[in-house]
Amino acid sequence: MATPRLAGPAARPWLALGAVLAAGIAGLHALTYGLSAWTLDERRDLRIASLDLRMPATAVRNQQGHGAELFSGNAPSTVYIVDFIYTRCNTVCSALGGEFAQLSRQVKADGLSGRLGLVSISLDARDTAGDLKAYATTYRASLPEWEVVTANDLRELKALLRQTDVIAIPDGMGGITHNGALDVVSANGVVLATYPMEQFQQAYLFARSLVRQAAR
């Protein structure tokens, strides 16, 4: 005996369920980058390898209170090394500050000021121009080697984090838990490589090689 086929109103819940399942599968496929990445770091690595991870042009203000637009392709720097910080952080961000202080001296010593830029982007909407200046003073971040910035618009900051697969979550104690490491980024925002924070020297060597190649 043939199984009766659902028709009319009786079929609608099953059709709706099918549509939901199809949408969920499609979303999972996109989120996992074709079912190839099951963590954000894996997804970032795949997107970087395919030159698909890009930091959007973002209007910011720096530690001197000056406005600028990052990753628009119009800045003099050929390559950036980018990290994400917040000024109230006394753990990882302090270590990153020390590493960038070393790199800023290397940039100057190698004669790459204005061509290889270090950028620390605050994840924290609470950070003011005064907070950025205090952080910069603590770690001797000076222009043009090293900019400490925050986005002018919270929506632009959220778009930057979303498009670069950086997650920043309040930890419930006034701090922020976030992923991300050191990104080597082209002038127009393409993330060319990423390095864990302990490999900051490797990040610098790669960025320096890109600058020197561009100068040939």
N, C-alpha and C. Protein backbone atom coordinates (compact mmCIF):
# COMPACT_ATOMS: atom_id res chain seq x y z
N MET A 1 0.85 -1.18 0.00
CA MET A 1 0.00 0.00 0.00
C MET A 1 0.90 1.24 0.00
N ALA A 2 0.63 2.15 -0.86
CA ALA A 2 1.46 3.35 -0.99
C ALA A 2 1.28 4.26 0.21
N THR A 3 2.39 4.89 0.60
CA THR A 3 2.32 5.84 1.70
C THR A 3 1.64 7.11 1.23
N PRO A 4 0.62 7.59 1.95
CA PRO A 4 -0.10 8.78 1.51
C PRO A 4 0.82 10.00 1.52
N ARG A 5 0.68 10.87 0.57
CA ARG A 5 1.48 12.09 0.48
C ARG A 5 0.76 13.21 1.19
N LEU A 6 1.56 14.02 1.93
CA LEU A 6 0.97 15.16 2.62
C LEU A 6 0.62 16.24 1.62
N ALA A 7 -0.50 16.85 1.83
CA ALA A 7 -0.92 17.91 0.92
C ALA A 7 -1.60 19.00 1.71
N GLY A 8 -1.62 20.17 1.13
CA GLY A 8 -2.33 21.28 1.73
C GLY A 8 -1.77 21.67 3.08
N PRO A 9 -2.62 22.08 4.03
CA PRO A 9 -2.16 22.57 5.34
C PRO A 9 -1.32 21.56 6.10
N ALA A 10 -1.60 20.26 5.91
CA ALA A 10 -0.85 19.25 6.65
C ALA A 10 0.62 19.24 6.26
N ALA A 11 0.94 19.65 5.07
CA ALA A 11 2.32 19.62 4.59
C ALA A 11 3.12 20.83 5.06
N ARG A 12 2.43 21.89 5.47
CA ARG A 12 3.13 23.15 5.73
C ARG A 12 4.14 23.05 6.88
N PRO A 13 3.82 22.40 8.01
CA PRO A 13 4.86 22.31 9.06
C PRO A 13 6.11 21.60 8.60
N TRP A 14 5.96 20.55 7.78
CA TRP A 14 7.12 19.82 7.28
C TRP A 14 7.93 20.66 6.30
N LEU A 15 7.21 21.43 5.48
CA LEU A 15 7.92 22.32 4.55
C LEU A 15 8.69 23.38 5.31
N ALA A 16 8.07 23.92 6.36
CA ALA A 16 8.75 24.94 7.17
C ALA A 16 9.97 24.36 7.86
N LEU A 17 9.82 23.13 8.41
CA LEU A 17 10.95 22.47 9.06
C LEU A 17 12.08 22.23 8.07
N GLY A 18 11.71 21.80 6.87
CA GLY A 18 12.72 21.57 5.84
C GLY A 18 13.46 22.85 5.49
N ALA A 19 12.73 23.95 5.41
CA ALA A 19 13.36 25.24 5.09
C ALA A 19 14.31 25.66 6.19
N VAL A 20 13.90 25.44 7.47
CA VAL A 20 14.76 25.79 8.60
C VAL A 20 16.03 24.95 8.59
N LEU A 21 15.88 23.63 8.34
CA LEU A 21 17.05 22.76 8.30
C LEU A 21 18.00 23.14 7.18
N ALA A 22 17.42 23.46 6.00
CA ALA A 22 18.26 23.86 4.86
C ALA A 22 19.03 25.14 5.18
N ALA A 23 18.33 26.10 5.81
CA ALA A 23 19.00 27.35 6.16
C ALA A 23 20.09 27.11 7.19
N GLY A 24 19.82 26.21 8.15
CA GLY A 24 20.82 25.91 9.17
C GLY A 24 22.05 25.26 8.57
N ILE A 25 21.85 24.32 7.64
CA ILE A 25 22.98 23.66 6.99
C ILE A 25 23.80 24.66 6.18
N ALA A 26 23.10 25.54 5.46
CA ALA A 26 23.81 26.56 4.67
C ALA A 26 24.60 27.49 5.58
N GLY A 27 23.99 27.88 6.72
CA GLY A 27 24.69 28.74 7.66
C GLY A 27 25.91 28.07 8.26
N LEU A 28 25.77 26.79 8.62
CA LEU A 28 26.90 26.03 9.16
C LEU A 28 28.02 25.91 8.15
N HIS A 29 27.64 25.69 6.89
CA HIS A 29 28.63 25.58 5.82
C HIS A 29 29.43 26.87 5.69
N ALA A 30 28.72 28.00 5.74
CA ALA A 30 29.41 29.30 5.62
C ALA A 30 30.25 29.59 6.86
N LEU A 31 29.68 29.31 8.05
CA LEU A 31 30.39 29.62 9.29
C LEU A 31 31.66 28.81 9.44
N THR A 32 31.64 27.56 8.98
CA THR A 32 32.81 26.69 9.10
C THR A 32 33.67 26.70 7.86
N TYR A 33 33.41 27.65 6.98
CA TYR A 33 34.21 27.82 5.77
C TYR A 33 34.26 26.52 4.98
N GLY A 34 33.05 26.07 4.61
CA GLY A 34 32.94 24.84 3.82
C GLY A 34 33.19 23.59 4.65
N LEU A 35 32.82 23.64 5.94
CA LEU A 35 33.00 22.51 6.86
C LEU A 35 34.48 22.15 7.05
N SER A 36 35.36 23.12 6.81
CA SER A 36 36.80 22.88 6.94
C SER A 36 37.37 23.43 8.24
N ALA A 37 36.65 24.33 8.89
CA ALA A 37 37.16 24.97 10.10
C ALA A 37 36.12 24.91 11.20
N TRP A 38 36.52 24.41 12.37
CA TRP A 38 35.58 24.24 13.47
C TRP A 38 35.89 25.15 14.65
N THR A 39 36.92 25.97 14.54
CA THR A 39 37.19 27.02 15.51
C THR A 39 37.41 28.31 14.75
N LEU A 40 37.29 29.43 15.47
CA LEU A 40 37.51 30.72 14.82
C LEU A 40 38.94 30.87 14.33
N ASP A 41 39.89 30.35 15.11
CA ASP A 41 41.28 30.45 14.68
C ASP A 41 41.53 29.65 13.41
N GLU A 42 40.92 28.47 13.30
CA GLU A 42 41.04 27.69 12.06
C GLU A 42 40.39 28.43 10.90
N ARG A 43 39.24 29.01 11.16
CA ARG A 43 38.55 29.78 10.11
C ARG A 43 39.40 30.97 9.67
N ARG A 44 40.03 31.66 10.64
CA ARG A 44 40.89 32.79 10.29
C ARG A 44 42.06 32.33 9.43
N ASP A 45 42.67 31.20 9.80
CA ASP A 45 43.81 30.69 9.04
C ASP A 45 43.42 30.39 7.60
N LEU A 46 42.25 29.79 7.40
CA LEU A 46 41.80 29.47 6.05
C LEU A 46 41.51 30.74 5.26
N ARG A 47 40.90 31.71 5.92
CA ARG A 47 40.58 32.96 5.22
C ARG A 47 41.85 33.73 4.86
N ILE A 48 42.85 33.68 5.74
CA ILE A 48 44.12 34.35 5.44
C ILE A 48 44.81 33.67 4.27
N ALA A 49 44.81 32.34 4.26
CA ALA A 49 45.48 31.61 3.18
C ALA A 49 44.87 31.93 1.82
N SER A 50 43.58 32.22 1.80
CA SER A 50 42.90 32.54 0.53
C SER A 50 42.78 34.05 0.32
N LEU A 51 43.48 34.84 1.15
CA LEU A 51 43.45 36.32 1.07
C LEU A 51 42.02 36.85 1.17
N ASP A 52 41.22 36.18 1.98
CA ASP A 52 39.80 36.52 2.13
C ASP A 52 39.53 37.26 3.43
N LEU A 53 40.53 37.41 4.29
CA LEU A 53 40.35 38.12 5.55
C LEU A 53 40.83 39.55 5.37
N ARG A 54 39.94 40.49 5.54
CA ARG A 54 40.26 41.89 5.25
C ARG A 54 39.74 42.79 6.37
N MET A 55 40.59 43.71 6.80
CA MET A 55 40.17 44.72 7.75
C MET A 55 39.58 45.90 6.98
N PRO A 56 38.33 46.26 7.27
CA PRO A 56 37.70 47.34 6.50
C PRO A 56 38.31 48.70 6.84
N ALA A 57 38.21 49.63 5.91
CA ALA A 57 38.64 51.00 6.19
C ALA A 57 37.87 51.50 7.42
N THR A 58 38.62 52.03 8.39
CA THR A 58 38.03 52.39 9.67
C THR A 58 38.55 53.74 10.13
N ALA A 59 37.63 54.66 10.44
CA ALA A 59 38.02 55.97 10.96
C ALA A 59 38.36 55.84 12.43
N VAL A 60 39.54 56.34 12.81
CA VAL A 60 40.03 56.19 14.18
C VAL A 60 40.59 57.51 14.68
N ARG A 61 40.87 57.54 15.98
CA ARG A 61 41.68 58.62 16.56
C ARG A 61 42.82 57.96 17.33
N ASN A 62 43.97 58.62 17.32
CA ASN A 62 45.15 57.99 17.91
C ASN A 62 45.50 58.60 19.26
N GLN A 63 46.64 58.21 19.80
CA GLN A 63 47.06 58.64 21.14
C GLN A 63 47.29 60.13 21.25
N GLN A 64 47.44 60.81 20.11
CA GLN A 64 47.59 62.27 20.13
C GLN A 64 46.27 62.98 19.89
N GLY A 65 45.19 62.19 19.76
CA GLY A 65 43.88 62.76 19.52
C GLY A 65 43.62 63.10 18.07
N HIS A 66 44.53 62.72 17.18
CA HIS A 66 44.39 63.03 15.76
C HIS A 66 43.57 61.95 15.05
N GLY A 67 42.77 62.38 14.09
CA GLY A 67 41.97 61.44 13.33
C GLY A 67 42.74 60.88 12.15
N ALA A 68 42.37 59.66 11.76
CA ALA A 68 42.99 59.02 10.59
C ALA A 68 42.03 57.95 10.10
N GLU A 69 42.31 57.43 8.92
CA GLU A 69 41.53 56.30 8.40
C GLU A 69 42.50 55.16 8.11
N LEU A 70 42.30 54.07 8.81
CA LEU A 70 43.15 52.91 8.61
C LEU A 70 42.63 52.02 7.48
N PHE A 71 43.56 51.33 6.83
CA PHE A 71 43.26 50.28 5.86
C PHE A 71 42.47 50.78 4.65
N SER A 72 42.65 52.03 4.32
CA SER A 72 41.98 52.59 3.14
C SER A 72 42.88 52.55 1.91
N GLY A 73 44.17 52.21 2.11
CA GLY A 73 45.12 52.19 1.02
C GLY A 73 45.75 53.55 0.75
N ASN A 74 45.36 54.57 1.52
CA ASN A 74 45.86 55.91 1.28
C ASN A 74 46.98 56.33 2.22
N ALA A 75 47.29 55.47 3.21
CA ALA A 75 48.33 55.81 4.18
C ALA A 75 49.71 55.54 3.59
N PRO A 76 50.75 56.21 4.09
CA PRO A 76 52.09 56.00 3.54
C PRO A 76 52.67 54.62 3.85
N SER A 77 52.24 54.00 4.95
CA SER A 77 52.78 52.69 5.31
C SER A 77 52.39 51.64 4.28
N THR A 78 53.34 50.81 3.92
CA THR A 78 53.09 49.71 2.99
C THR A 78 52.45 48.53 3.70
N VAL A 79 52.90 48.30 4.95
CA VAL A 79 52.47 47.13 5.72
C VAL A 79 52.28 47.55 7.17
N TYR A 80 51.28 46.94 7.82
CA TYR A 80 51.07 47.14 9.25
C TYR A 80 51.23 45.82 10.00
N ILE A 81 51.67 45.92 11.24
CA ILE A 81 51.51 44.83 12.20
C ILE A 81 50.47 45.32 13.20
N VAL A 82 49.39 44.56 13.33
CA VAL A 82 48.24 45.01 14.11
C VAL A 82 48.02 44.07 15.29
N ASP A 83 47.77 44.67 16.46
CA ASP A 83 47.29 43.87 17.59
C ASP A 83 46.05 44.54 18.16
N PHE A 84 45.31 43.79 18.96
CA PHE A 84 44.09 44.28 19.61
C PHE A 84 44.33 44.31 21.11
N ILE A 85 44.04 45.47 21.72
CA ILE A 85 44.32 45.66 23.14
C ILE A 85 43.15 46.41 23.77
N TYR A 86 43.20 46.56 25.09
CA TYR A 86 42.39 47.58 25.77
C TYR A 86 43.22 48.08 26.93
N THR A 87 43.08 49.35 27.23
CA THR A 87 44.06 50.00 28.10
C THR A 87 43.95 49.57 29.55
N ARG A 88 42.81 48.99 29.97
CA ARG A 88 42.65 48.54 31.35
C ARG A 88 43.23 47.15 31.58
N CYS A 89 43.69 46.50 30.53
CA CYS A 89 44.22 45.14 30.64
C CYS A 89 45.61 45.17 31.26
N ASN A 90 45.81 44.33 32.28
CA ASN A 90 47.11 44.28 32.95
C ASN A 90 47.84 42.96 32.71
N THR A 91 47.33 42.15 31.77
CA THR A 91 47.94 40.84 31.54
C THR A 91 48.50 40.77 30.12
N VAL A 92 47.72 40.20 29.20
CA VAL A 92 48.21 40.00 27.83
C VAL A 92 48.57 41.31 27.16
N CYS A 93 47.74 42.33 27.37
CA CYS A 93 48.00 43.61 26.70
C CYS A 93 49.30 44.24 27.17
N SER A 94 49.66 43.99 28.42
CA SER A 94 50.94 44.49 28.92
C SER A 94 52.10 43.81 28.19
N ALA A 95 51.96 42.50 27.98
CA ALA A 95 53.00 41.78 27.24
C ALA A 95 53.09 42.28 25.81
N LEU A 96 51.92 42.50 25.19
CA LEU A 96 51.91 43.02 23.82
C LEU A 96 52.55 44.41 23.76
N GLY A 97 52.27 45.22 24.78
CA GLY A 97 52.88 46.54 24.82
C GLY A 97 54.39 46.47 24.85
N GLY A 98 54.93 45.54 25.64
CA GLY A 98 56.39 45.37 25.70
C GLY A 98 56.96 44.90 24.38
N GLU A 99 56.24 43.98 23.71
CA GLU A 99 56.71 43.48 22.42
C GLU A 99 56.69 44.58 21.36
N PHE A 100 55.61 45.36 21.32
CA PHE A 100 55.53 46.43 20.33
C PHE A 100 56.56 47.52 20.62
N ALA A 101 56.90 47.72 21.89
CA ALA A 101 57.95 48.70 22.22
C ALA A 101 59.27 48.27 21.59
N GLN A 102 59.57 46.97 21.66
CA GLN A 102 60.79 46.47 21.00
C GLN A 102 60.71 46.64 19.49
N LEU A 103 59.56 46.31 18.92
CA LEU A 103 59.43 46.40 17.46
C LEU A 103 59.50 47.83 16.97
N SER A 104 58.96 48.76 17.75
CA SER A 104 59.01 50.16 17.30
C SER A 104 60.45 50.65 17.21
N ARG A 105 61.29 50.18 18.14
CA ARG A 105 62.71 50.54 18.06
C ARG A 105 63.36 49.91 16.84
N GLN A 106 62.97 48.69 16.51
CA GLN A 106 63.53 48.04 15.33
C GLN A 106 63.10 48.73 14.04
N VAL A 107 61.84 49.16 14.00
CA VAL A 107 61.36 49.90 12.82
C VAL A 107 62.23 51.12 12.58
N LYS A 108 62.48 51.85 13.65
CA LYS A 108 63.30 53.06 13.52
C LYS A 108 64.74 52.72 13.14
N ALA A 109 65.29 51.69 13.78
CA ALA A 109 66.69 51.31 13.51
C ALA A 109 66.86 50.82 12.09
N ASP A 110 65.83 50.18 11.52
CA ASP A 110 65.92 49.67 10.16
C ASP A 110 65.55 50.72 9.11
N GLY A 111 65.27 51.94 9.55
CA GLY A 111 64.94 53.02 8.61
C GLY A 111 63.59 52.82 7.93
N LEU A 112 62.66 52.17 8.61
CA LEU A 112 61.36 51.86 7.99
C LEU A 112 60.22 52.71 8.55
N SER A 113 60.55 53.75 9.29
CA SER A 113 59.51 54.62 9.84
C SER A 113 58.66 55.20 8.71
N GLY A 114 57.36 55.10 8.85
CA GLY A 114 56.45 55.60 7.82
C GLY A 114 56.17 54.60 6.73
N ARG A 115 56.91 53.48 6.73
CA ARG A 115 56.64 52.44 5.72
C ARG A 115 56.15 51.14 6.35
N LEU A 116 56.62 50.85 7.56
CA LEU A 116 56.11 49.71 8.32
C LEU A 116 55.52 50.28 9.60
N GLY A 117 54.21 50.16 9.73
CA GLY A 117 53.53 50.76 10.87
C GLY A 117 53.03 49.73 11.87
N LEU A 118 53.17 50.03 13.15
CA LEU A 118 52.58 49.22 14.21
C LEU A 118 51.28 49.89 14.63
N VAL A 119 50.22 49.11 14.76
CA VAL A 119 48.92 49.65 15.14
C VAL A 119 48.33 48.80 16.25
N SER A 120 48.04 49.42 17.38
CA SER A 120 47.31 48.77 18.46
C SER A 120 45.89 49.32 18.46
N ILE A 121 44.91 48.44 18.25
CA ILE A 121 43.51 48.85 18.15
C ILE A 121 42.80 48.48 19.44
N SER A 122 42.19 49.47 20.08
CA SER A 122 41.46 49.19 21.31
C SER A 122 40.13 48.50 21.01
N LEU A 123 39.86 47.45 21.78
CA LEU A 123 38.59 46.73 21.70
C LEU A 123 37.52 47.34 22.59
N ASP A 124 37.91 48.29 23.41
CA ASP A 124 37.06 48.76 24.50
C ASP A 124 36.47 50.13 24.18
N ALA A 125 35.15 50.18 24.07
CA ALA A 125 34.48 51.45 23.77
C ALA A 125 34.68 52.47 24.88
N ARG A 126 35.09 52.04 26.06
CA ARG A 126 35.31 52.97 27.17
C ARG A 126 36.62 53.74 27.03
N ASP A 127 37.55 53.26 26.22
CA ASP A 127 38.85 53.91 26.10
C ASP A 127 38.72 55.30 25.47
N THR A 128 39.21 56.28 26.18
CA THR A 128 39.17 57.66 25.71
C THR A 128 40.54 58.04 25.12
N ALA A 129 40.59 59.23 24.55
CA ALA A 129 41.87 59.73 24.03
C ALA A 129 42.90 59.79 25.14
N GLY A 130 42.46 60.14 26.36
CA GLY A 130 43.38 60.18 27.49
C GLY A 130 43.90 58.79 27.86
N ASP A 131 43.02 57.79 27.76
CA ASP A 131 43.45 56.41 28.04
C ASP A 131 44.48 55.95 27.03
N LEU A 132 44.24 56.28 25.76
CA LEU A 132 45.19 55.90 24.71
C LEU A 132 46.54 56.58 24.94
N LYS A 133 46.49 57.85 25.32
CA LYS A 133 47.73 58.60 25.54
C LYS A 133 48.51 58.00 26.72
N ALA A 134 47.79 57.61 27.78
CA ALA A 134 48.45 57.02 28.94
C ALA A 134 49.08 55.68 28.58
N TYR A 135 48.39 54.87 27.80
CA TYR A 135 48.94 53.58 27.36
C TYR A 135 50.18 53.82 26.51
N ALA A 136 50.08 54.79 25.57
CA ALA A 136 51.21 55.11 24.70
C ALA A 136 52.40 55.61 25.51
N THR A 137 52.14 56.41 26.53
CA THR A 137 53.22 56.93 27.38
C THR A 137 53.90 55.79 28.14
N THR A 138 53.09 54.87 28.66
CA THR A 138 53.63 53.74 29.43
C THR A 138 54.61 52.92 28.60
N TYR A 139 54.23 52.69 27.33
CA TYR A 139 55.05 51.80 26.49
C TYR A 139 55.88 52.56 25.46
N ARG A 140 55.89 53.90 25.58
CA ARG A 140 56.69 54.76 24.70
C ARG A 140 56.31 54.55 23.23
N ALA A 141 55.01 54.51 23.00
CA ALA A 141 54.50 54.39 21.62
C ALA A 141 54.47 55.77 20.99
N SER A 142 55.31 55.96 19.98
CA SER A 142 55.39 57.27 19.33
C SER A 142 55.14 57.12 17.84
N LEU A 143 54.63 58.20 17.26
CA LEU A 143 54.38 58.25 15.82
C LEU A 143 55.68 58.65 15.11
N PRO A 144 55.89 58.17 13.88
CA PRO A 144 54.96 57.37 13.07
C PRO A 144 55.12 55.87 13.24
N GLU A 145 56.04 55.44 14.12
CA GLU A 145 56.30 54.00 14.21
C GLU A 145 55.11 53.22 14.77
N TRP A 146 54.43 53.80 15.78
CA TRP A 146 53.41 53.02 16.50
C TRP A 146 52.23 53.92 16.85
N GLU A 147 51.07 53.55 16.32
CA GLU A 147 49.82 54.23 16.63
C GLU A 147 48.98 53.38 17.58
N VAL A 148 48.44 54.02 18.60
CA VAL A 148 47.47 53.38 19.50
C VAL A 148 46.13 54.07 19.22
N VAL A 149 45.13 53.30 18.77
CA VAL A 149 43.93 53.94 18.23
C VAL A 149 42.66 53.30 18.79
N THR A 150 41.58 54.05 18.65
CA THR A 150 40.25 53.54 18.89
C THR A 150 39.35 54.04 17.76
N ALA A 151 38.35 53.25 17.41
CA ALA A 151 37.45 53.63 16.33
C ALA A 151 36.59 54.82 16.76
N ASN A 152 36.32 55.71 15.83
CA ASN A 152 35.46 56.86 16.12
C ASN A 152 34.02 56.44 16.38
N ASP A 153 33.60 55.37 15.74
CA ASP A 153 32.21 54.93 15.79
C ASP A 153 32.17 53.48 16.27
N LEU A 154 31.34 53.21 17.27
CA LEU A 154 31.24 51.86 17.80
C LEU A 154 30.80 50.87 16.74
N ARG A 155 29.96 51.32 15.81
CA ARG A 155 29.51 50.43 14.73
C ARG A 155 30.67 50.03 13.83
N GLU A 156 31.59 50.95 13.59
CA GLU A 156 32.76 50.61 12.77
C GLU A 156 33.68 49.64 13.50
N LEU A 157 33.81 49.80 14.82
CA LEU A 157 34.61 48.87 15.59
C LEU A 157 34.00 47.47 15.52
N LYS A 158 32.69 47.37 15.70
CA LYS A 158 32.03 46.07 15.65
C LYS A 158 32.17 45.45 14.26
N ALA A 159 32.08 46.27 13.22
CA ALA A 159 32.25 45.75 11.85
C ALA A 159 33.66 45.24 11.63
N LEU A 160 34.65 45.97 12.16
CA LEU A 160 36.04 45.54 12.04
C LEU A 160 36.26 44.19 12.72
N LEU A 161 35.75 44.06 13.94
CA LEU A 161 35.92 42.81 14.68
C LEU A 161 35.19 41.66 13.99
N ARG A 162 33.97 41.93 13.53
CA ARG A 162 33.17 40.89 12.89
C ARG A 162 33.84 40.41 11.60
N GLN A 163 34.31 41.34 10.79
CA GLN A 163 34.88 40.97 9.51
C GLN A 163 36.24 40.28 9.64
N THR A 164 36.89 40.45 10.78
CA THR A 164 38.20 39.82 10.97
C THR A 164 38.14 38.65 11.95
N ASP A 165 36.92 38.20 12.28
CA ASP A 165 36.74 37.04 13.17
C ASP A 165 37.43 37.22 14.51
N VAL A 166 37.36 38.43 15.04
CA VAL A 166 37.88 38.69 16.39
C VAL A 166 36.70 38.80 17.34
N ILE A 167 36.71 37.98 18.38
CA ILE A 167 35.64 37.98 19.37
C ILE A 167 36.12 38.68 20.63
N ALA A 168 35.33 39.65 21.12
CA ALA A 168 35.64 40.36 22.35
C ALA A 168 34.42 40.30 23.26
N ILE A 169 34.58 39.66 24.43
CA ILE A 169 33.46 39.42 25.33
C ILE A 169 33.81 39.95 26.72
N PRO A 170 32.93 40.78 27.32
CA PRO A 170 33.19 41.22 28.70
C PRO A 170 33.32 40.01 29.63
N ASP A 171 34.32 40.07 30.52
CA ASP A 171 34.56 38.93 31.40
C ASP A 171 33.79 39.01 32.72
N GLY A 172 32.97 40.05 32.87
CA GLY A 172 32.19 40.21 34.09
C GLY A 172 32.94 40.86 35.23
N MET A 173 34.20 41.16 35.03
CA MET A 173 35.02 41.79 36.08
C MET A 173 35.66 43.08 35.59
N GLY A 174 35.05 43.66 34.55
CA GLY A 174 35.57 44.92 34.01
C GLY A 174 36.57 44.76 32.90
N GLY A 175 36.93 43.49 32.60
CA GLY A 175 37.89 43.23 31.53
C GLY A 175 37.22 42.67 30.30
N ILE A 176 38.03 42.31 29.33
CA ILE A 176 37.52 41.77 28.06
C ILE A 176 38.34 40.54 27.70
N THR A 177 37.64 39.45 27.41
CA THR A 177 38.29 38.26 26.89
C THR A 177 38.20 38.29 25.37
N HIS A 178 39.33 38.10 24.70
CA HIS A 178 39.29 38.17 23.24
C HIS A 178 40.33 37.24 22.63
N ASN A 179 40.09 36.89 21.37
CA ASN A 179 41.07 36.10 20.62
C ASN A 179 41.89 37.04 19.76
N GLY A 180 42.62 36.49 18.81
CA GLY A 180 43.43 37.33 17.95
C GLY A 180 44.88 37.34 18.41
N ALA A 181 45.77 37.67 17.51
CA ALA A 181 47.20 37.67 17.82
C ALA A 181 47.81 38.88 17.11
N LEU A 182 48.91 38.67 16.40
CA LEU A 182 49.54 39.73 15.63
C LEU A 182 49.25 39.49 14.15
N ASP A 183 48.58 40.44 13.53
CA ASP A 183 48.24 40.32 12.12
C ASP A 183 49.15 41.22 11.29
N VAL A 184 49.70 40.66 10.23
CA VAL A 184 50.45 41.46 9.25
C VAL A 184 49.47 41.82 8.15
N VAL A 185 49.28 43.13 7.94
CA VAL A 185 48.17 43.62 7.12
C VAL A 185 48.68 44.57 6.05
N SER A 186 48.15 44.45 4.85
CA SER A 186 48.53 45.36 3.77
C SER A 186 47.89 46.73 3.99
N ALA A 187 48.33 47.71 3.22
CA ALA A 187 47.82 49.07 3.37
C ALA A 187 46.31 49.15 3.13
N ASN A 188 45.79 48.27 2.28
CA ASN A 188 44.35 48.29 2.01
C ASN A 188 43.58 47.24 2.80
N GLY A 189 44.21 46.71 3.87
CA GLY A 189 43.47 45.92 4.84
C GLY A 189 43.50 44.42 4.69
N VAL A 190 44.18 43.88 3.68
CA VAL A 190 44.23 42.43 3.52
C VAL A 190 45.18 41.83 4.57
N VAL A 191 44.68 40.89 5.35
CA VAL A 191 45.51 40.22 6.35
C VAL A 191 46.36 39.17 5.63
N LEU A 192 47.67 39.36 5.65
CA LEU A 192 48.59 38.51 4.89
C LEU A 192 49.14 37.35 5.71
N ALA A 193 49.16 37.52 7.02
CA ALA A 193 49.66 36.46 7.90
C ALA A 193 49.27 36.80 9.33
N THR A 194 49.23 35.79 10.17
CA THR A 194 48.99 36.02 11.59
C THR A 194 49.97 35.19 12.40
N TYR A 195 50.38 35.73 13.54
CA TYR A 195 51.38 35.09 14.38
C TYR A 195 50.92 35.14 15.83
N PRO A 196 51.17 34.07 16.61
CA PRO A 196 50.93 34.18 18.06
C PRO A 196 51.84 35.23 18.66
N MET A 197 51.42 35.79 19.77
CA MET A 197 52.14 36.95 20.32
C MET A 197 53.60 36.65 20.64
N GLU A 198 53.91 35.39 21.00
CA GLU A 198 55.30 35.07 21.32
C GLU A 198 56.20 35.05 20.09
N GLN A 199 55.59 35.08 18.89
CA GLN A 199 56.36 35.09 17.66
C GLN A 199 56.39 36.49 17.04
N PHE A 200 56.47 37.50 17.89
CA PHE A 200 56.43 38.87 17.38
C PHE A 200 57.63 39.20 16.49
N GLN A 201 58.78 38.59 16.77
CA GLN A 201 59.94 38.85 15.93
C GLN A 201 59.74 38.25 14.53
N GLN A 202 59.13 37.06 14.46
CA GLN A 202 58.85 36.46 13.15
C GLN A 202 57.86 37.32 12.37
N ALA A 203 56.87 37.87 13.07
CA ALA A 203 55.91 38.76 12.41
C ALA A 203 56.63 39.97 11.83
N TYR A 204 57.58 40.51 12.60
CA TYR A 204 58.32 41.68 12.12
C TYR A 204 59.17 41.34 10.91
N LEU A 205 59.87 40.22 10.95
CA LEU A 205 60.72 39.84 9.82
C LEU A 205 59.91 39.67 8.55
N PHE A 206 58.73 39.06 8.68
CA PHE A 206 57.87 38.90 7.50
C PHE A 206 57.40 40.25 6.97
N ALA A 207 56.95 41.11 7.88
CA ALA A 207 56.47 42.43 7.46
C ALA A 207 57.61 43.24 6.83
N ARG A 208 58.79 43.16 7.41
CA ARG A 208 59.94 43.89 6.85
C ARG A 208 60.27 43.40 5.45
N SER A 209 60.19 42.08 5.24
CA SER A 209 60.49 41.54 3.91
C SER A 209 59.48 42.06 2.88
N LEU A 210 58.22 42.22 3.28
CA LEU A 210 57.21 42.74 2.36
C LEU A 210 57.49 44.20 2.00
N VAL A 211 57.89 44.97 2.99
CA VAL A 211 58.21 46.39 2.74
C VAL A 211 59.39 46.49 1.77
N ARG A 212 60.40 45.71 1.99
CA ARG A 212 61.60 45.78 1.15
C ARG A 212 61.31 45.28 -0.27
N GLN A 213 60.45 44.27 -0.39
CA GLN A 213 60.05 43.82 -1.73
C GLN A 213 59.31 44.92 -2.47
N ALA A 214 58.43 45.62 -1.76
CA ALA A 214 57.65 46.70 -2.40
C ALA A 214 58.53 47.85 -2.84
N ALA A 215 59.67 48.01 -2.18
CA ALA A 215 60.57 49.13 -2.51
C ALA A 215 61.46 48.85 -3.70
N ARG A 216 61.50 47.61 -4.17
CA ARG A 216 62.39 47.26 -5.28
C ARG A 216 61.84 47.77 -6.60
